[in-house]
Amino acid sequence: MWRSDFTFSKRLLGTLLVILGLLAAGGIIAVDLLDAGREGGIGPAQQLALVVSIGLILLGATLIPLGHDPA
């Protein structure tokens, strides 16, 4: 049932990082939009989280073209 020779490929790792980054960025923006009555907009912690999530997206996007080599 389970293959013992399974390894994460760079393409799979990149895809997972892009998805994680998109979910994180979307969640941060959704929290800001749902709490619209609060003044101030996106705060410093949210800005940092957005920068980290965009970094994950970019890192994942650079791994995807590397193919099925082991990560």
PDB file of N, CA and C in Angstrom:
ATOM      1  N   MET A   1       0.812  -1.180   0.000  1.00  0.00           N
ATOM      2  CA  MET A   1       0.000   0.000   0.000  1.00  0.00           C
ATOM      3  C   MET A   1       0.866   1.258   0.000  1.00  0.00           C
ATOM      4  N   TRP A   2       1.779   1.396   0.909  1.00  0.00           N
ATOM      5  CA  TRP A   2       2.683   2.547   0.931  1.00  0.00           C
ATOM      6  C   TRP A   2       3.976   2.184   0.240  1.00  0.00           C
ATOM      7  N   ARG A   3       4.433   3.068  -0.622  1.00  0.00           N
ATOM      8  CA  ARG A   3       5.716   2.847  -1.284  1.00  0.00           C
ATOM      9  C   ARG A   3       6.802   3.390  -0.397  1.00  0.00           C
ATOM     10  N   SER A   4       7.797   2.580  -0.128  1.00  0.00           N
ATOM     11  CA  SER A   4       8.871   3.008   0.762  1.00  0.00           C
ATOM     12  C   SER A   4       9.891   3.888   0.042  1.00  0.00           C
ATOM     13  N   ASP A   5       9.832   3.958  -1.277  1.00  0.00           N
ATOM     14  CA  ASP A   5      10.801   4.749  -2.019  1.00  0.00           C
ATOM     15  C   ASP A   5      10.264   6.128  -2.404  1.00  0.00           C
ATOM     16  N   PHE A   6       9.183   6.579  -1.750  1.00  0.00           N
ATOM     17  CA  PHE A   6       8.596   7.874  -2.064  1.00  0.00           C
ATOM     18  C   PHE A   6       9.499   8.998  -1.565  1.00  0.00           C
ATOM     19  N   THR A   7       9.764   9.970  -2.430  1.00  0.00           N
ATOM     20  CA  THR A   7      10.489  11.174  -2.037  1.00  0.00           C
ATOM     21  C   THR A   7       9.745  12.384  -2.607  1.00  0.00           C
ATOM     22  N   PHE A   8       9.860  13.481  -1.905  1.00  0.00           N
ATOM     23  CA  PHE A   8       9.278  14.717  -2.411  1.00  0.00           C
ATOM     24  C   PHE A   8      10.098  15.206  -3.587  1.00  0.00           C
ATOM     25  N   SER A   9       9.432  15.471  -4.684  1.00  0.00           N
ATOM     26  CA  SER A   9      10.128  16.062  -5.820  1.00  0.00           C
ATOM     27  C   SER A   9      10.126  17.574  -5.649  1.00  0.00           C
ATOM     28  N   LYS A  10      11.013  18.230  -6.379  1.00  0.00           N
ATOM     29  CA  LYS A  10      11.068  19.690  -6.314  1.00  0.00           C
ATOM     30  C   LYS A  10       9.779  20.300  -6.848  1.00  0.00           C
ATOM     31  N   ARG A  11       9.186  19.668  -7.838  1.00  0.00           N
ATOM     32  CA  ARG A  11       7.921  20.160  -8.392  1.00  0.00           C
ATOM     33  C   ARG A  11       6.809  20.071  -7.347  1.00  0.00           C
ATOM     34  N   LEU A  12       6.729  18.949  -6.628  1.00  0.00           N
ATOM     35  CA  LEU A  12       5.697  18.790  -5.609  1.00  0.00           C
ATOM     36  C   LEU A  12       5.926  19.759  -4.456  1.00  0.00           C
ATOM     37  N   LEU A  13       7.149  19.891  -4.008  1.00  0.00           N
ATOM     38  CA  LEU A  13       7.455  20.826  -2.937  1.00  0.00           C
ATOM     39  C   LEU A  13       7.136  22.258  -3.355  1.00  0.00           C
ATOM     40  N   GLY A  14       7.485  22.626  -4.580  1.00  0.00           N
ATOM     41  CA  GLY A  14       7.182  23.961  -5.082  1.00  0.00           C
ATOM     42  C   GLY A  14       5.692  24.214  -5.157  1.00  0.00           C
ATOM     43  N   THR A  15       4.948  23.235  -5.623  1.00  0.00           N
ATOM     44  CA  THR A  15       3.496  23.373  -5.714  1.00  0.00           C
ATOM     45  C   THR A  15       2.887  23.540  -4.322  1.00  0.00           C
ATOM     46  N   LEU A  16       3.361  22.760  -3.367  1.00  0.00           N
ATOM     47  CA  LEU A  16       2.852  22.882  -2.004  1.00  0.00           C
ATOM     48  C   LEU A  16       3.170  24.251  -1.407  1.00  0.00           C
ATOM     49  N   LEU A  17       4.358  24.763  -1.664  1.00  0.00           N
ATOM     50  CA  LEU A  17       4.729  26.081  -1.151  1.00  0.00           C
ATOM     51  C   LEU A  17       3.881  27.185  -1.782  1.00  0.00           C
ATOM     52  N   VAL A  18       3.621  27.080  -3.075  1.00  0.00           N
ATOM     53  CA  VAL A  18       2.774  28.084  -3.742  1.00  0.00           C
ATOM     54  C   VAL A  18       1.366  28.051  -3.162  1.00  0.00           C
ATOM     55  N   ILE A  19       0.809  26.871  -2.985  1.00  0.00           N
ATOM     56  CA  ILE A  19      -0.535  26.744  -2.423  1.00  0.00           C
ATOM     57  C   ILE A  19      -0.574  27.288  -0.998  1.00  0.00           C
ATOM     58  N   LEU A  20       0.423  26.949  -0.184  1.00  0.00           N
ATOM     59  CA  LEU A  20       0.482  27.447   1.187  1.00  0.00           C
ATOM     60  C   LEU A  20       0.590  28.971   1.222  1.00  0.00           C
ATOM     61  N   GLY A  21       1.421  29.529   0.364  1.00  0.00           N
ATOM     62  CA  GLY A  21       1.567  30.981   0.304  1.00  0.00           C
ATOM     63  C   GLY A  21       0.294  31.675  -0.133  1.00  0.00           C
ATOM     64  N   LEU A  22      -0.386  31.098  -1.129  1.00  0.00           N
ATOM     65  CA  LEU A  22      -1.648  31.687  -1.588  1.00  0.00           C
ATOM     66  C   LEU A  22      -2.729  31.621  -0.516  1.00  0.00           C
ATOM     67  N   LEU A  23      -2.796  30.502   0.192  1.00  0.00           N
ATOM     68  CA  LEU A  23      -3.774  30.380   1.275  1.00  0.00           C
ATOM     69  C   LEU A  23      -3.476  31.365   2.396  1.00  0.00           C
ATOM     70  N   ALA A  24      -2.212  31.509   2.735  1.00  0.00           N
ATOM     71  CA  ALA A  24      -1.839  32.442   3.804  1.00  0.00           C
ATOM     72  C   ALA A  24      -2.152  33.880   3.402  1.00  0.00           C
ATOM     73  N   ALA A  25      -1.772  34.275   2.204  1.00  0.00           N
ATOM     74  CA  ALA A  25      -2.038  35.641   1.747  1.00  0.00           C
ATOM     75  C   ALA A  25      -3.542  35.894   1.657  1.00  0.00           C
ATOM     76  N   GLY A  26      -4.273  34.935   1.125  1.00  0.00           N
ATOM     77  CA  GLY A  26      -5.724  35.076   1.044  1.00  0.00           C
ATOM     78  C   GLY A  26      -6.372  35.176   2.413  1.00  0.00           C
ATOM     79  N   GLY A  27      -5.866  34.397   3.357  1.00  0.00           N
ATOM     80  CA  GLY A  27      -6.399  34.456   4.718  1.00  0.00           C
ATOM     81  C   GLY A  27      -6.128  35.787   5.384  1.00  0.00           C
ATOM     82  N   ILE A  28      -4.931  36.327   5.187  1.00  0.00           N
ATOM     83  CA  ILE A  28      -4.585  37.620   5.778  1.00  0.00           C
ATOM     84  C   ILE A  28      -5.467  38.723   5.203  1.00  0.00           C
ATOM     85  N   ILE A  29      -5.655  38.700   3.906  1.00  0.00           N
ATOM     86  CA  ILE A  29      -6.499  39.721   3.268  1.00  0.00           C
ATOM     87  C   ILE A  29      -7.963  39.536   3.678  1.00  0.00           C
ATOM     88  N   ALA A  30      -8.417  38.288   3.800  1.00  0.00           N
ATOM     89  CA  ALA A  30      -9.800  38.026   4.204  1.00  0.00           C
ATOM     90  C   ALA A  30     -10.055  38.518   5.624  1.00  0.00           C
ATOM     91  N   VAL A  31      -9.108  38.307   6.528  1.00  0.00           N
ATOM     92  CA  VAL A  31      -9.263  38.792   7.896  1.00  0.00           C
ATOM     93  C   VAL A  31      -9.382  40.307   7.898  1.00  0.00           C
ATOM     94  N   ASP A  32      -8.595  40.969   7.083  1.00  0.00           N
ATOM     95  CA  ASP A  32      -8.659  42.426   7.023  1.00  0.00           C
ATOM     96  C   ASP A  32      -9.996  42.898   6.441  1.00  0.00           C
ATOM     97  N   LEU A  33     -10.497  42.205   5.423  1.00  0.00           N
ATOM     98  CA  LEU A  33     -11.765  42.604   4.811  1.00  0.00           C
ATOM     99  C   LEU A  33     -12.956  42.313   5.718  1.00  0.00           C
ATOM    100  N   LEU A  34     -12.919  41.194   6.446  1.00  0.00           N
ATOM    101  CA  LEU A  34     -14.041  40.838   7.315  1.00  0.00           C
ATOM    102  C   LEU A  34     -14.119  41.735   8.543  1.00  0.00           C
ATOM    103  N   ASP A  35     -13.007  42.267   8.965  1.00  0.00           N
ATOM    104  CA  ASP A  35     -12.970  43.161  10.117  1.00  0.00           C
ATOM    105  C   ASP A  35     -12.927  44.605   9.621  1.00  0.00           C
ATOM    106  N   ALA A  36     -13.806  44.925   8.689  1.00  0.00           N
ATOM    107  CA  ALA A  36     -13.750  46.206   7.988  1.00  0.00           C
ATOM    108  C   ALA A  36     -14.116  47.391   8.874  1.00  0.00           C
ATOM    109  N   GLY A  37     -14.821  47.177   9.983  1.00  0.00           N
ATOM    110  CA  GLY A  37     -15.198  48.278  10.841  1.00  0.00           C
ATOM    111  C   GLY A  37     -14.026  48.854  11.618  1.00  0.00           C
ATOM    112  N   ARG A  38     -12.958  48.131  11.703  1.00  0.00           N
ATOM    113  CA  ARG A  38     -11.778  48.565  12.446  1.00  0.00           C
ATOM    114  C   ARG A  38     -10.998  49.553  11.599  1.00  0.00           C
ATOM    115  N   GLU A  39     -10.473  50.558  12.234  1.00  0.00           N
ATOM    116  CA  GLU A  39      -9.681  51.545  11.503  1.00  0.00           C
ATOM    117  C   GLU A  39      -8.227  51.117  11.446  1.00  0.00           C
ATOM    118  N   GLY A  40      -7.522  51.586  10.440  1.00  0.00           N
ATOM    119  CA  GLY A  40      -6.088  51.361  10.390  1.00  0.00           C
ATOM    120  C   GLY A  40      -5.630  50.515   9.230  1.00  0.00           C
ATOM    121  N   GLY A  41      -6.490  49.698   8.653  1.00  0.00           N
ATOM    122  CA  GLY A  41      -6.082  48.880   7.511  1.00  0.00           C
ATOM    123  C   GLY A  41      -5.136  47.761   7.913  1.00  0.00           C
ATOM    124  N   ILE A  42      -4.230  47.436   7.033  1.00  0.00           N
ATOM    125  CA  ILE A  42      -3.285  46.346   7.268  1.00  0.00           C
ATOM    126  C   ILE A  42      -2.162  46.869   8.164  1.00  0.00           C
ATOM    127  N   GLY A  43      -1.980  46.204   9.290  1.00  0.00           N
ATOM    128  CA  GLY A  43      -0.970  46.619  10.254  1.00  0.00           C
ATOM    129  C   GLY A  43       0.396  46.028   9.951  1.00  0.00           C
ATOM    130  N   PRO A  44       1.381  46.357  10.788  1.00  0.00           N
ATOM    131  CA  PRO A  44       2.750  45.890  10.553  1.00  0.00           C
ATOM    132  C   PRO A  44       2.892  44.362  10.605  1.00  0.00           C
ATOM    133  N   ALA A  45       2.172  43.723  11.502  1.00  0.00           N
ATOM    134  CA  ALA A  45       2.261  42.258  11.590  1.00  0.00           C
ATOM    135  C   ALA A  45       1.659  41.607  10.345  1.00  0.00           C
ATOM    136  N   GLN A  46       0.564  42.178   9.860  1.00  0.00           N
ATOM    137  CA  GLN A  46      -0.043  41.650   8.645  1.00  0.00           C
ATOM    138  C   GLN A  46       0.847  41.897   7.436  1.00  0.00           C
ATOM    139  N   GLN A  47       1.503  43.045   7.393  1.00  0.00           N
ATOM    140  CA  GLN A  47       2.427  43.329   6.295  1.00  0.00           C
ATOM    141  C   GLN A  47       3.569  42.328   6.280  1.00  0.00           C
ATOM    142  N   LEU A  48       4.111  42.028   7.465  1.00  0.00           N
ATOM    143  CA  LEU A  48       5.198  41.052   7.552  1.00  0.00           C
ATOM    144  C   LEU A  48       4.722  39.667   7.106  1.00  0.00           C
ATOM    145  N   ALA A  49       3.521  39.294   7.543  1.00  0.00           N
ATOM    146  CA  ALA A  49       2.973  37.995   7.141  1.00  0.00           C
ATOM    147  C   ALA A  49       2.735  37.937   5.633  1.00  0.00           C
ATOM    148  N   LEU A  50       2.287  39.043   5.035  1.00  0.00           N
ATOM    149  CA  LEU A  50       2.099  39.080   3.585  1.00  0.00           C
ATOM    150  C   LEU A  50       3.433  38.953   2.851  1.00  0.00           C
ATOM    151  N   VAL A  51       4.463  39.616   3.363  1.00  0.00           N
ATOM    152  CA  VAL A  51       5.785  39.510   2.743  1.00  0.00           C
ATOM    153  C   VAL A  51       6.295  38.074   2.814  1.00  0.00           C
ATOM    154  N   VAL A  52       6.102  37.420   3.953  1.00  0.00           N
ATOM    155  CA  VAL A  52       6.543  36.026   4.095  1.00  0.00           C
ATOM    156  C   VAL A  52       5.755  35.123   3.159  1.00  0.00           C
ATOM    157  N   SER A  53       4.443  35.330   3.059  1.00  0.00           N
ATOM    158  CA  SER A  53       3.637  34.482   2.186  1.00  0.00           C
ATOM    159  C   SER A  53       3.991  34.703   0.712  1.00  0.00           C
ATOM    160  N   ILE A  54       4.275  35.949   0.332  1.00  0.00           N
ATOM    161  CA  ILE A  54       4.705  36.210  -1.045  1.00  0.00           C
ATOM    162  C   ILE A  54       6.069  35.570  -1.294  1.00  0.00           C
ATOM    163  N   GLY A  55       6.923  35.581  -0.278  1.00  0.00           N
ATOM    164  CA  GLY A  55       8.217  34.898  -0.399  1.00  0.00           C
ATOM    165  C   GLY A  55       8.043  33.403  -0.614  1.00  0.00           C
ATOM    166  N   LEU A  56       7.087  32.792   0.093  1.00  0.00           N
ATOM    167  CA  LEU A  56       6.804  31.368  -0.111  1.00  0.00           C
ATOM    168  C   LEU A  56       6.328  31.099  -1.532  1.00  0.00           C
ATOM    169  N   ILE A  57       5.474  31.979  -2.037  1.00  0.00           N
ATOM    170  CA  ILE A  57       4.964  31.813  -3.401  1.00  0.00           C
ATOM    171  C   ILE A  57       6.113  31.883  -4.405  1.00  0.00           C
ATOM    172  N   LEU A  58       6.996  32.871  -4.228  1.00  0.00           N
ATOM    173  CA  LEU A  58       8.120  33.015  -5.156  1.00  0.00           C
ATOM    174  C   LEU A  58       9.089  31.851  -5.055  1.00  0.00           C
ATOM    175  N   LEU A  59       9.375  31.397  -3.839  1.00  0.00           N
ATOM    176  CA  LEU A  59      10.267  30.248  -3.664  1.00  0.00           C
ATOM    177  C   LEU A  59       9.673  29.001  -4.314  1.00  0.00           C
ATOM    178  N   GLY A  60       8.379  28.780  -4.080  1.00  0.00           N
ATOM    179  CA  GLY A  60       7.721  27.629  -4.683  1.00  0.00           C
ATOM    180  C   GLY A  60       7.702  27.704  -6.198  1.00  0.00           C
ATOM    181  N   ALA A  61       7.490  28.918  -6.731  1.00  0.00           N
ATOM    182  CA  ALA A  61       7.448  29.085  -8.184  1.00  0.00           C
ATOM    183  C   ALA A  61       8.804  28.804  -8.820  1.00  0.00           C
ATOM    184  N   THR A  62       9.887  29.051  -8.086  1.00  0.00           N
ATOM    185  CA  THR A  62      11.209  28.752  -8.646  1.00  0.00           C
ATOM    186  C   THR A  62      11.523  27.263  -8.584  1.00  0.00           C
ATOM    187  N   LEU A  63      10.867  26.522  -7.694  1.00  0.00           N
ATOM    188  CA  LEU A  63      11.127  25.084  -7.590  1.00  0.00           C
ATOM    189  C   LEU A  63      10.345  24.270  -8.626  1.00  0.00           C
ATOM    190  N   ILE A  64       9.192  24.741  -9.028  1.00  0.00           N
ATOM    191  CA  ILE A  64       8.327  23.974  -9.921  1.00  0.00           C
ATOM    192  C   ILE A  64       9.018  23.590 -11.238  1.00  0.00           C
ATOM    193  N   PRO A  65       9.740  24.501 -11.915  1.00  0.00           N
ATOM    194  CA  PRO A  65      10.354  24.117 -13.204  1.00  0.00           C
ATOM    195  C   PRO A  65      11.503  23.108 -13.072  1.00  0.00           C
ATOM    196  N   LEU A  66      11.974  22.843 -11.867  1.00  0.00           N
ATOM    197  CA  LEU A  66      13.097  21.930 -11.688  1.00  0.00           C
ATOM    198  C   LEU A  66      12.715  20.470 -11.849  1.00  0.00           C
ATOM    199  N   GLY A  67      11.432  20.185 -11.940  1.00  0.00           N
ATOM    200  CA  GLY A  67      10.981  18.851 -12.307  1.00  0.00           C
ATOM    201  C   GLY A  67      10.928  17.858 -11.164  1.00  0.00           C
ATOM    202  N   HIS A  68      11.179  16.608 -11.509  1.00  0.00           N
ATOM    203  CA  HIS A  68      10.986  15.499 -10.597  1.00  0.00           C
ATOM    204  C   HIS A  68      12.248  15.088  -9.867  1.00  0.00           C
ATOM    205  N   ASP A  69      13.247  15.947  -9.815  1.00  0.00           N
ATOM    206  CA  ASP A  69      14.442  15.649  -9.023  1.00  0.00           C
ATOM    207  C   ASP A  69      14.062  15.627  -7.561  1.00  0.00           C
ATOM    208  N   PRO A  70      14.723  14.792  -6.765  1.00  0.00           N
ATOM    209  CA  PRO A  70      14.407  14.758  -5.320  1.00  0.00           C
ATOM    210  C   PRO A  70      14.721  16.119  -4.678  1.00  0.00           C
ATOM    211  N   ALA A  71      13.860  16.498  -3.746  1.00  0.00           N
ATOM    212  CA  ALA A  71      14.028  17.789  -3.063  1.00  0.00           C
ATOM    213  C   ALA A  71      15.059  17.681  -1.958  1.00  0.00           C
TER     214      ALA A  71
END
